[in-house]
Amino acid sequence: MPFDSLSEILRLVQSKYPKLSKRIVEAGALSLWEKAVGPAIAKHTRALRVQEGVLWIEVDHPIWKSELHYRKKQILDRLNSAQKDENSSNPPISDLFLVDRQ
């Protein structure tokens, strides 16, 4: 059975393996981080990983950490609207975990 595109293959794999599908959607949030927060915040932060629906963010200063905390709902809404998982009613990213830069 030949496939016309990589996206068809991915859709087939995702429908067959829902947990993989969820992880692909979660991982997409890493690449969308800068777009979701804008260049000013992105300059002071870095998306590290997604673990059980929680996006871990490294922050370089307490003021930016406070700003992210204040904008958390807005950021989650942007990330989740860009990364809809058709197979789930739950948003792909449920929370942000903010960590200090080491």
PDB file of N, CA and C in Angstrom:
ATOM      1  N   MET A   1       0.840  -1.180   0.000  1.00  0.00           N
ATOM      2  CA  MET A   1       0.000   0.000   0.000  1.00  0.00           C
ATOM      3  C   MET A   1       0.885   1.243   0.000  1.00  0.00           C
ATOM      4  N   PRO A   2       1.046   1.916  -1.105  1.00  0.00           N
ATOM      5  CA  PRO A   2       1.901   3.099  -1.166  1.00  0.00           C
ATOM      6  C   PRO A   2       1.222   4.310  -0.516  1.00  0.00           C
ATOM      7  N   PHE A   3       2.054   5.174   0.060  1.00  0.00           N
ATOM      8  CA  PHE A   3       1.563   6.387   0.699  1.00  0.00           C
ATOM      9  C   PHE A   3       1.965   7.584  -0.149  1.00  0.00           C
ATOM     10  N   ASP A   4       1.103   8.590  -0.187  1.00  0.00           N
ATOM     11  CA  ASP A   4       1.382   9.777  -0.975  1.00  0.00           C
ATOM     12  C   ASP A   4       2.305  10.759  -0.250  1.00  0.00           C
ATOM     13  N   SER A   5       2.302  10.687   1.065  1.00  0.00           N
ATOM     14  CA  SER A   5       3.127  11.657   1.780  1.00  0.00           C
ATOM     15  C   SER A   5       3.488  11.160   3.173  1.00  0.00           C
ATOM     16  N   LEU A   6       4.475  11.796   3.721  1.00  0.00           N
ATOM     17  CA  LEU A   6       4.896  11.494   5.089  1.00  0.00           C
ATOM     18  C   LEU A   6       3.768  11.784   6.064  1.00  0.00           C
ATOM     19  N   SER A   7       2.999  12.837   5.812  1.00  0.00           N
ATOM     20  CA  SER A   7       1.897  13.177   6.722  1.00  0.00           C
ATOM     21  C   SER A   7       0.856  12.052   6.776  1.00  0.00           C
ATOM     22  N   GLU A   8       0.635  11.360   5.671  1.00  0.00           N
ATOM     23  CA  GLU A   8      -0.282  10.215   5.676  1.00  0.00           C
ATOM     24  C   GLU A   8       0.261   9.090   6.561  1.00  0.00           C
ATOM     25  N   ILE A   9       1.535   8.849   6.453  1.00  0.00           N
ATOM     26  CA  ILE A   9       2.166   7.810   7.279  1.00  0.00           C
ATOM     27  C   ILE A   9       2.048   8.174   8.748  1.00  0.00           C
ATOM     28  N   LEU A  10       2.332   9.433   9.064  1.00  0.00           N
ATOM     29  CA  LEU A  10       2.233   9.877  10.465  1.00  0.00           C
ATOM     30  C   LEU A  10       0.809   9.754  10.992  1.00  0.00           C
ATOM     31  N   ARG A  11      -0.176  10.122  10.196  1.00  0.00           N
ATOM     32  CA  ARG A  11      -1.581   9.994  10.626  1.00  0.00           C
ATOM     33  C   ARG A  11      -1.926   8.533  10.912  1.00  0.00           C
ATOM     34  N   LEU A  12      -1.463   7.639  10.049  1.00  0.00           N
ATOM     35  CA  LEU A  12      -1.731   6.218  10.241  1.00  0.00           C
ATOM     36  C   LEU A  12      -1.085   5.714  11.532  1.00  0.00           C
ATOM     37  N   VAL A  13       0.174   6.068  11.744  1.00  0.00           N
ATOM     38  CA  VAL A  13       0.887   5.642  12.951  1.00  0.00           C
ATOM     39  C   VAL A  13       0.221   6.230  14.191  1.00  0.00           C
ATOM     40  N   GLN A  14      -0.153   7.505  14.116  1.00  0.00           N
ATOM     41  CA  GLN A  14      -0.782   8.153  15.269  1.00  0.00           C
ATOM     42  C   GLN A  14      -2.132   7.527  15.599  1.00  0.00           C
ATOM     43  N   SER A  15      -2.898   7.143  14.588  1.00  0.00           N
ATOM     44  CA  SER A  15      -4.191   6.523  14.868  1.00  0.00           C
ATOM     45  C   SER A  15      -4.017   5.132  15.470  1.00  0.00           C
ATOM     46  N   LYS A  16      -2.951   4.470  15.092  1.00  0.00           N
ATOM     47  CA  LYS A  16      -2.697   3.121  15.595  1.00  0.00           C
ATOM     48  C   LYS A  16      -2.074   3.130  16.996  1.00  0.00           C
ATOM     49  N   TYR A  17      -1.318   4.186  17.302  1.00  0.00           N
ATOM     50  CA  TYR A  17      -0.622   4.284  18.586  1.00  0.00           C
ATOM     51  C   TYR A  17      -0.958   5.632  19.243  1.00  0.00           C
ATOM     52  N   PRO A  18      -2.071   5.707  19.997  1.00  0.00           N
ATOM     53  CA  PRO A  18      -2.514   6.979  20.580  1.00  0.00           C
ATOM     54  C   PRO A  18      -1.502   7.621  21.535  1.00  0.00           C
ATOM     55  N   LYS A  19      -0.766   6.817  22.267  1.00  0.00           N
ATOM     56  CA  LYS A  19       0.224   7.406  23.186  1.00  0.00           C
ATOM     57  C   LYS A  19       1.343   8.097  22.412  1.00  0.00           C
ATOM     58  N   LEU A  20       1.740   7.512  21.310  1.00  0.00           N
ATOM     59  CA  LEU A  20       2.743   8.143  20.460  1.00  0.00           C
ATOM     60  C   LEU A  20       2.192   9.447  19.893  1.00  0.00           C
ATOM     61  N   SER A  21       0.946   9.423  19.503  1.00  0.00           N
ATOM     62  CA  SER A  21       0.303  10.613  18.972  1.00  0.00           C
ATOM     63  C   SER A  21       0.338  11.746  19.998  1.00  0.00           C
ATOM     64  N   LYS A  22       0.026  11.419  21.240  1.00  0.00           N
ATOM     65  CA  LYS A  22       0.040  12.421  22.318  1.00  0.00           C
ATOM     66  C   LYS A  22       1.449  12.990  22.498  1.00  0.00           C
ATOM     67  N   ARG A  23       2.455  12.148  22.453  1.00  0.00           N
ATOM     68  CA  ARG A  23       3.837  12.600  22.628  1.00  0.00           C
ATOM     69  C   ARG A  23       4.281  13.490  21.468  1.00  0.00           C
ATOM     70  N   ILE A  24       3.832  13.175  20.252  1.00  0.00           N
ATOM     71  CA  ILE A  24       4.178  14.003  19.100  1.00  0.00           C
ATOM     72  C   ILE A  24       3.574  15.392  19.256  1.00  0.00           C
ATOM     73  N   VAL A  25       2.330  15.448  19.698  1.00  0.00           N
ATOM     74  CA  VAL A  25       1.666  16.737  19.909  1.00  0.00           C
ATOM     75  C   VAL A  25       2.366  17.512  21.019  1.00  0.00           C
ATOM     76  N   GLU A  26       2.697  16.828  22.117  1.00  0.00           N
ATOM     77  CA  GLU A  26       3.409  17.495  23.217  1.00  0.00           C
ATOM     78  C   GLU A  26       4.749  18.047  22.744  1.00  0.00           C
ATOM     79  N   ALA A  27       5.478  17.241  21.994  1.00  0.00           N
ATOM     80  CA  ALA A  27       6.792  17.670  21.509  1.00  0.00           C
ATOM     81  C   ALA A  27       6.684  18.874  20.582  1.00  0.00           C
ATOM     82  N   GLY A  28       5.574  18.986  19.886  1.00  0.00           N
ATOM     83  CA  GLY A  28       5.365  20.141  19.022  1.00  0.00           C
ATOM     84  C   GLY A  28       5.374  21.447  19.793  1.00  0.00           C
ATOM     85  N   ALA A  29       4.993  21.399  21.060  1.00  0.00           N
ATOM     86  CA  ALA A  29       4.989  22.606  21.895  1.00  0.00           C
ATOM     87  C   ALA A  29       6.397  23.178  22.046  1.00  0.00           C
ATOM     88  N   LEU A  30       7.402  22.314  22.021  1.00  0.00           N
ATOM     89  CA  LEU A  30       8.786  22.792  22.134  1.00  0.00           C
ATOM     90  C   LEU A  30       9.137  23.706  20.969  1.00  0.00           C
ATOM     91  N   SER A  31       8.718  23.312  19.782  1.00  0.00           N
ATOM     92  CA  SER A  31       9.048  24.115  18.606  1.00  0.00           C
ATOM     93  C   SER A  31       8.179  25.367  18.499  1.00  0.00           C
ATOM     94  N   LEU A  32       7.046  25.378  19.183  1.00  0.00           N
ATOM     95  CA  LEU A  32       6.138  26.537  19.130  1.00  0.00           C
ATOM     96  C   LEU A  32       6.393  27.555  20.241  1.00  0.00           C
ATOM     97  N   TRP A  33       7.321  27.262  21.137  1.00  0.00           N
ATOM     98  CA  TRP A  33       7.531  28.112  22.304  1.00  0.00           C
ATOM     99  C   TRP A  33       7.765  29.574  21.929  1.00  0.00           C
ATOM    100  N   GLU A  34       8.721  29.837  21.065  1.00  0.00           N
ATOM    101  CA  GLU A  34       9.048  31.223  20.718  1.00  0.00           C
ATOM    102  C   GLU A  34       7.847  31.941  20.105  1.00  0.00           C
ATOM    103  N   LYS A  35       7.110  31.271  19.264  1.00  0.00           N
ATOM    104  CA  LYS A  35       5.933  31.881  18.646  1.00  0.00           C
ATOM    105  C   LYS A  35       4.861  32.186  19.698  1.00  0.00           C
ATOM    106  N   ALA A  36       4.707  31.318  20.677  1.00  0.00           N
ATOM    107  CA  ALA A  36       3.677  31.496  21.706  1.00  0.00           C
ATOM    108  C   ALA A  36       3.980  32.651  22.654  1.00  0.00           C
ATOM    109  N   VAL A  37       5.268  32.883  22.938  1.00  0.00           N
ATOM    110  CA  VAL A  37       5.619  33.918  23.918  1.00  0.00           C
ATOM    111  C   VAL A  37       6.184  35.183  23.299  1.00  0.00           C
ATOM    112  N   GLY A  38       6.619  35.106  22.053  1.00  0.00           N
ATOM    113  CA  GLY A  38       7.215  36.266  21.400  1.00  0.00           C
ATOM    114  C   GLY A  38       8.717  36.336  21.626  1.00  0.00           C
ATOM    115  N   PRO A  39       9.417  37.130  20.817  1.00  0.00           N
ATOM    116  CA  PRO A  39      10.882  37.161  20.866  1.00  0.00           C
ATOM    117  C   PRO A  39      11.463  37.721  22.163  1.00  0.00           C
ATOM    118  N   ALA A  40      10.796  38.679  22.795  1.00  0.00           N
ATOM    119  CA  ALA A  40      11.338  39.277  24.024  1.00  0.00           C
ATOM    120  C   ALA A  40      11.425  38.247  25.147  1.00  0.00           C
ATOM    121  N   ILE A  41      10.347  37.496  25.353  1.00  0.00           N
ATOM    122  CA  ILE A  41      10.350  36.476  26.405  1.00  0.00           C
ATOM    123  C   ILE A  41      11.211  35.291  25.994  1.00  0.00           C
ATOM    124  N   ALA A  42      11.150  34.911  24.728  1.00  0.00           N
ATOM    125  CA  ALA A  42      11.935  33.772  24.244  1.00  0.00           C
ATOM    126  C   ALA A  42      13.431  33.994  24.447  1.00  0.00           C
ATOM    127  N   LYS A  43      13.854  35.240  24.398  1.00  0.00           N
ATOM    128  CA  LYS A  43      15.274  35.566  24.598  1.00  0.00           C
ATOM    129  C   LYS A  43      15.746  35.206  26.013  1.00  0.00           C
ATOM    130  N   HIS A  44      14.826  35.174  26.960  1.00  0.00           N
ATOM    131  CA  HIS A  44      15.169  34.920  28.362  1.00  0.00           C
ATOM    132  C   HIS A  44      14.696  33.557  28.867  1.00  0.00           C
ATOM    133  N   THR A  45      14.184  32.747  27.963  1.00  0.00           N
ATOM    134  CA  THR A  45      13.649  31.442  28.354  1.00  0.00           C
ATOM    135  C   THR A  45      14.051  30.384  27.338  1.00  0.00           C
ATOM    136  N   ARG A  46      13.848  29.130  27.748  1.00  0.00           N
ATOM    137  CA  ARG A  46      14.113  28.016  26.838  1.00  0.00           C
ATOM    138  C   ARG A  46      13.192  26.863  27.214  1.00  0.00           C
ATOM    139  N   ALA A  47      12.467  26.347  26.224  1.00  0.00           N
ATOM    140  CA  ALA A  47      11.621  25.179  26.438  1.00  0.00           C
ATOM    141  C   ALA A  47      12.528  23.956  26.519  1.00  0.00           C
ATOM    142  N   LEU A  48      12.429  23.213  27.617  1.00  0.00           N
ATOM    143  CA  LEU A  48      13.329  22.078  27.851  1.00  0.00           C
ATOM    144  C   LEU A  48      12.737  20.741  27.430  1.00  0.00           C
ATOM    145  N   ARG A  49      11.538  20.450  27.930  1.00  0.00           N
ATOM    146  CA  ARG A  49      10.920  19.149  27.650  1.00  0.00           C
ATOM    147  C   ARG A  49       9.455  19.188  28.060  1.00  0.00           C
ATOM    148  N   VAL A  50       8.732  18.171  27.645  1.00  0.00           N
ATOM    149  CA  VAL A  50       7.348  17.987  28.065  1.00  0.00           C
ATOM    150  C   VAL A  50       7.296  16.662  28.808  1.00  0.00           C
ATOM    151  N   GLN A  51       6.728  16.708  29.987  1.00  0.00           N
ATOM    152  CA  GLN A  51       6.629  15.501  30.808  1.00  0.00           C
ATOM    153  C   GLN A  51       5.205  15.417  31.346  1.00  0.00           C
ATOM    154  N   GLU A  52       4.464  14.407  30.903  1.00  0.00           N
ATOM    155  CA  GLU A  52       3.077  14.182  31.320  1.00  0.00           C
ATOM    156  C   GLU A  52       2.222  15.439  31.141  1.00  0.00           C
ATOM    157  N   GLY A  53       2.376  16.102  30.002  1.00  0.00           N
ATOM    158  CA  GLY A  53       1.571  17.269  29.686  1.00  0.00           C
ATOM    159  C   GLY A  53       2.062  18.577  30.282  1.00  0.00           C
ATOM    160  N   VAL A  54       3.168  18.536  31.002  1.00  0.00           N
ATOM    161  CA  VAL A  54       3.730  19.746  31.620  1.00  0.00           C
ATOM    162  C   VAL A  54       4.967  20.166  30.839  1.00  0.00           C
ATOM    163  N   LEU A  55       4.952  21.400  30.349  1.00  0.00           N
ATOM    164  CA  LEU A  55       6.077  21.953  29.604  1.00  0.00           C
ATOM    165  C   LEU A  55       7.050  22.598  30.583  1.00  0.00           C
ATOM    166  N   TRP A  56       8.286  22.092  30.604  1.00  0.00           N
ATOM    167  CA  TRP A  56       9.328  22.616  31.484  1.00  0.00           C
ATOM    168  C   TRP A  56      10.033  23.765  30.768  1.00  0.00           C
ATOM    169  N   ILE A  57      10.117  24.904  31.443  1.00  0.00           N
ATOM    170  CA  ILE A  57      10.714  26.109  30.877  1.00  0.00           C
ATOM    171  C   ILE A  57      11.848  26.586  31.769  1.00  0.00           C
ATOM    172  N   GLU A  58      13.016  26.772  31.168  1.00  0.00           N
ATOM    173  CA  GLU A  58      14.163  27.339  31.878  1.00  0.00           C
ATOM    174  C   GLU A  58      14.094  28.860  31.730  1.00  0.00           C
ATOM    175  N   VAL A  59      14.243  29.576  32.845  1.00  0.00           N
ATOM    176  CA  VAL A  59      14.116  31.035  32.863  1.00  0.00           C
ATOM    177  C   VAL A  59      15.401  31.621  33.443  1.00  0.00           C
ATOM    178  N   ASP A  60      15.907  32.708  32.810  1.00  0.00           N
ATOM    179  CA  ASP A  60      17.211  33.244  33.223  1.00  0.00           C
ATOM    180  C   ASP A  60      17.163  34.302  34.332  1.00  0.00           C
ATOM    181  N   HIS A  61      15.963  34.736  34.749  1.00  0.00           N
ATOM    182  CA  HIS A  61      15.898  35.771  35.785  1.00  0.00           C
ATOM    183  C   HIS A  61      14.543  35.699  36.496  1.00  0.00           C
ATOM    184  N   PRO A  62      14.528  35.973  37.804  1.00  0.00           N
ATOM    185  CA  PRO A  62      13.263  35.904  38.555  1.00  0.00           C
ATOM    186  C   PRO A  62      12.157  36.817  38.016  1.00  0.00           C
ATOM    187  N   ILE A  63      12.521  37.964  37.457  1.00  0.00           N
ATOM    188  CA  ILE A  63      11.507  38.864  36.903  1.00  0.00           C
ATOM    189  C   ILE A  63      10.782  38.197  35.730  1.00  0.00           C
ATOM    190  N   TRP A  64      11.539  37.516  34.867  1.00  0.00           N
ATOM    191  CA  TRP A  64      10.918  36.820  33.740  1.00  0.00           C
ATOM    192  C   TRP A  64      10.097  35.630  34.226  1.00  0.00           C
ATOM    193  N   LYS A  65      10.546  35.002  35.279  1.00  0.00           N
ATOM    194  CA  LYS A  65       9.786  33.886  35.853  1.00  0.00           C
ATOM    195  C   LYS A  65       8.429  34.389  36.345  1.00  0.00           C
ATOM    196  N   SER A  66       8.437  35.539  36.983  1.00  0.00           N
ATOM    197  CA  SER A  66       7.204  36.152  37.457  1.00  0.00           C
ATOM    198  C   SER A  66       6.289  36.526  36.279  1.00  0.00           C
ATOM    199  N   GLU A  67       6.871  37.069  35.227  1.00  0.00           N
ATOM    200  CA  GLU A  67       6.105  37.440  34.031  1.00  0.00           C
ATOM    201  C   GLU A  67       5.439  36.214  33.411  1.00  0.00           C
ATOM    202  N   LEU A  68       6.172  35.115  33.324  1.00  0.00           N
ATOM    203  CA  LEU A  68       5.603  33.881  32.769  1.00  0.00           C
ATOM    204  C   LEU A  68       4.474  33.352  33.651  1.00  0.00           C
ATOM    205  N   HIS A  69       4.678  33.432  34.945  1.00  0.00           N
ATOM    206  CA  HIS A  69       3.634  32.983  35.863  1.00  0.00           C
ATOM    207  C   HIS A  69       2.367  33.817  35.648  1.00  0.00           C
ATOM    208  N   TYR A  70       2.531  35.107  35.493  1.00  0.00           N
ATOM    209  CA  TYR A  70       1.405  36.018  35.271  1.00  0.00           C
ATOM    210  C   TYR A  70       0.692  35.713  33.945  1.00  0.00           C
ATOM    211  N   ARG A  71       1.447  35.348  32.915  1.00  0.00           N
ATOM    212  CA  ARG A  71       0.885  35.093  31.577  1.00  0.00           C
ATOM    213  C   ARG A  71       0.621  33.612  31.290  1.00  0.00           C
ATOM    214  N   LYS A  72       0.698  32.775  32.291  1.00  0.00           N
ATOM    215  CA  LYS A  72       0.613  31.321  32.090  1.00  0.00           C
ATOM    216  C   LYS A  72      -0.621  30.903  31.289  1.00  0.00           C
ATOM    217  N   LYS A  73      -1.800  31.380  31.661  1.00  0.00           N
ATOM    218  CA  LYS A  73      -3.024  30.966  30.962  1.00  0.00           C
ATOM    219  C   LYS A  73      -2.973  31.393  29.496  1.00  0.00           C
ATOM    220  N   GLN A  74      -2.532  32.598  29.237  1.00  0.00           N
ATOM    221  CA  GLN A  74      -2.434  33.100  27.862  1.00  0.00           C
ATOM    222  C   GLN A  74      -1.476  32.231  27.037  1.00  0.00           C
ATOM    223  N   ILE A  75      -0.335  31.891  27.624  1.00  0.00           N
ATOM    224  CA  ILE A  75       0.667  31.069  26.927  1.00  0.00           C
ATOM    225  C   ILE A  75       0.117  29.671  26.654  1.00  0.00           C
ATOM    226  N   LEU A  76      -0.522  29.069  27.656  1.00  0.00           N
ATOM    227  CA  LEU A  76      -1.097  27.732  27.474  1.00  0.00           C
ATOM    228  C   LEU A  76      -2.171  27.744  26.386  1.00  0.00           C
ATOM    229  N   ASP A  77      -2.997  28.785  26.386  1.00  0.00           N
ATOM    230  CA  ASP A  77      -4.027  28.893  25.346  1.00  0.00           C
ATOM    231  C   ASP A  77      -3.399  28.959  23.957  1.00  0.00           C
ATOM    232  N   ARG A  78      -2.343  29.746  23.808  1.00  0.00           N
ATOM    233  CA  ARG A  78      -1.673  29.865  22.501  1.00  0.00           C
ATOM    234  C   ARG A  78      -1.045  28.547  22.074  1.00  0.00           C
ATOM    235  N   LEU A  79      -0.348  27.897  23.001  1.00  0.00           N
ATOM    236  CA  LEU A  79       0.295  26.620  22.675  1.00  0.00           C
ATOM    237  C   LEU A  79      -0.735  25.570  22.288  1.00  0.00           C
ATOM    238  N   ASN A  80      -1.798  25.483  23.059  1.00  0.00           N
ATOM    239  CA  ASN A  80      -2.791  24.442  22.826  1.00  0.00           C
ATOM    240  C   ASN A  80      -3.656  24.705  21.602  1.00  0.00           C
ATOM    241  N   SER A  81      -3.908  25.961  21.288  1.00  0.00           N
ATOM    242  CA  SER A  81      -4.693  26.226  20.075  1.00  0.00           C
ATOM    243  C   SER A  81      -3.869  25.918  18.823  1.00  0.00           C
ATOM    244  N   ALA A  82      -2.555  26.068  18.918  1.00  0.00           N
ATOM    245  CA  ALA A  82      -1.678  25.742  17.789  1.00  0.00           C
ATOM    246  C   ALA A  82      -1.423  24.243  17.674  1.00  0.00           C
ATOM    247  N   GLN A  83      -1.601  23.522  18.766  1.00  0.00           N
ATOM    248  CA  GLN A  83      -1.279  22.089  18.812  1.00  0.00           C
ATOM    249  C   GLN A  83      -2.480  21.280  19.271  1.00  0.00           C
ATOM    250  N   LYS A  84      -3.525  21.271  18.522  1.00  0.00           N
ATOM    251  CA  LYS A  84      -4.712  20.485  18.886  1.00  0.00           C
ATOM    252  C   LYS A  84      -4.447  19.006  18.646  1.00  0.00           C
ATOM    253  N   ASP A  85      -4.854  18.192  19.610  1.00  0.00           N
ATOM    254  CA  ASP A  85      -4.820  16.734  19.444  1.00  0.00           C
ATOM    255  C   ASP A  85      -6.255  16.287  19.167  1.00  0.00           C
ATOM    256  N   GLU A  86      -6.514  15.903  17.932  1.00  0.00           N
ATOM    257  CA  GLU A  86      -7.867  15.525  17.535  1.00  0.00           C
ATOM    258  C   GLU A  86      -8.380  14.310  18.315  1.00  0.00           C
ATOM    259  N   ASN A  87      -7.493  13.502  18.848  1.00  0.00           N
ATOM    260  CA  ASN A  87      -7.897  12.274  19.531  1.00  0.00           C
ATOM    261  C   ASN A  87      -8.171  12.473  21.013  1.00  0.00           C
ATOM    262  N   SER A  88      -8.071  13.700  21.498  1.00  0.00           N
ATOM    263  CA  SER A  88      -8.213  13.920  22.930  1.00  0.00           C
ATOM    264  C   SER A  88      -9.003  15.194  23.194  1.00  0.00           C
ATOM    265  N   SER A  89      -9.810  15.145  24.246  1.00  0.00           N
ATOM    266  CA  SER A  89     -10.538  16.347  24.640  1.00  0.00           C
ATOM    267  C   SER A  89      -9.705  17.185  25.607  1.00  0.00           C
ATOM    268  N   ASN A  90      -8.632  16.611  26.139  1.00  0.00           N
ATOM    269  CA  ASN A  90      -7.751  17.337  27.048  1.00  0.00           C
ATOM    270  C   ASN A  90      -6.728  18.136  26.247  1.00  0.00           C
ATOM    271  N   PRO A  91      -6.351  19.318  26.763  1.00  0.00           N
ATOM    272  CA  PRO A  91      -5.311  20.078  26.056  1.00  0.00           C
ATOM    273  C   PRO A  91      -3.976  19.339  26.132  1.00  0.00           C
ATOM    274  N   PRO A  92      -3.161  19.416  25.070  1.00  0.00           N
ATOM    275  CA  PRO A  92      -1.870  18.725  25.074  1.00  0.00           C
ATOM    276  C   PRO A  92      -0.944  19.201  26.189  1.00  0.00           C
ATOM    277  N   ILE A  93      -0.924  20.511  26.440  1.00  0.00           N
ATOM    278  CA  ILE A  93      -0.071  21.059  27.493  1.00  0.00           C
ATOM    279  C   ILE A  93      -0.976  21.585  28.604  1.00  0.00           C
ATOM    280  N   SER A  94      -0.874  20.978  29.786  1.00  0.00           N
ATOM    281  CA  SER A  94      -1.761  21.335  30.893  1.00  0.00           C
ATOM    282  C   SER A  94      -1.163  22.365  31.839  1.00  0.00           C
ATOM    283  N   ASP A  95       0.172  22.502  31.825  1.00  0.00           N
ATOM    284  CA  ASP A  95       0.797  23.423  32.774  1.00  0.00           C
ATOM    285  C   ASP A  95       2.214  23.756  32.320  1.00  0.00           C
ATOM    286  N   LEU A  96       2.765  24.798  32.924  1.00  0.00           N
ATOM    287  CA  LEU A  96       4.169  25.173  32.723  1.00  0.00           C
ATOM    288  C   LEU A  96       4.891  24.960  34.047  1.00  0.00           C
ATOM    289  N   PHE A  97       6.071  24.396  33.978  1.00  0.00           N
ATOM    290  CA  PHE A  97       6.917  24.249  35.163  1.00  0.00           C
ATOM    291  C   PHE A  97       8.147  25.116  34.901  1.00  0.00           C
ATOM    292  N   LEU A  98       8.309  26.157  35.711  1.00  0.00           N
ATOM    293  CA  LEU A  98       9.366  27.133  35.496  1.00  0.00           C
ATOM    294  C   LEU A  98      10.553  26.824  36.383  1.00  0.00           C
ATOM    295  N   VAL A  99      11.734  26.672  35.761  1.00  0.00           N
ATOM    296  CA  VAL A  99      12.953  26.355  36.507  1.00  0.00           C
ATOM    297  C   VAL A  99      13.994  27.444  36.249  1.00  0.00           C
ATOM    298  N   ASP A 100      14.810  27.697  37.261  1.00  0.00           N
ATOM    299  CA  ASP A 100      15.874  28.684  37.134  1.00  0.00           C
ATOM    300  C   ASP A 100      17.011  28.142  36.285  1.00  0.00           C
ATOM    301  N   ARG A 101      17.607  29.011  35.498  1.00  0.00           N
ATOM    302  CA  ARG A 101      18.764  28.625  34.691  1.00  0.00           C
ATOM    303  C   ARG A 101      19.911  28.306  35.643  1.00  0.00           C
ATOM    304  N   GLN A 102      20.598  27.221  35.340  1.00  0.00           N
ATOM    305  CA  GLN A 102      21.722  26.787  36.194  1.00  0.00           C
ATOM    306  C   GLN A 102      23.004  27.461  35.815  1.00  0.00           C
TER     307      GLN A 102
END
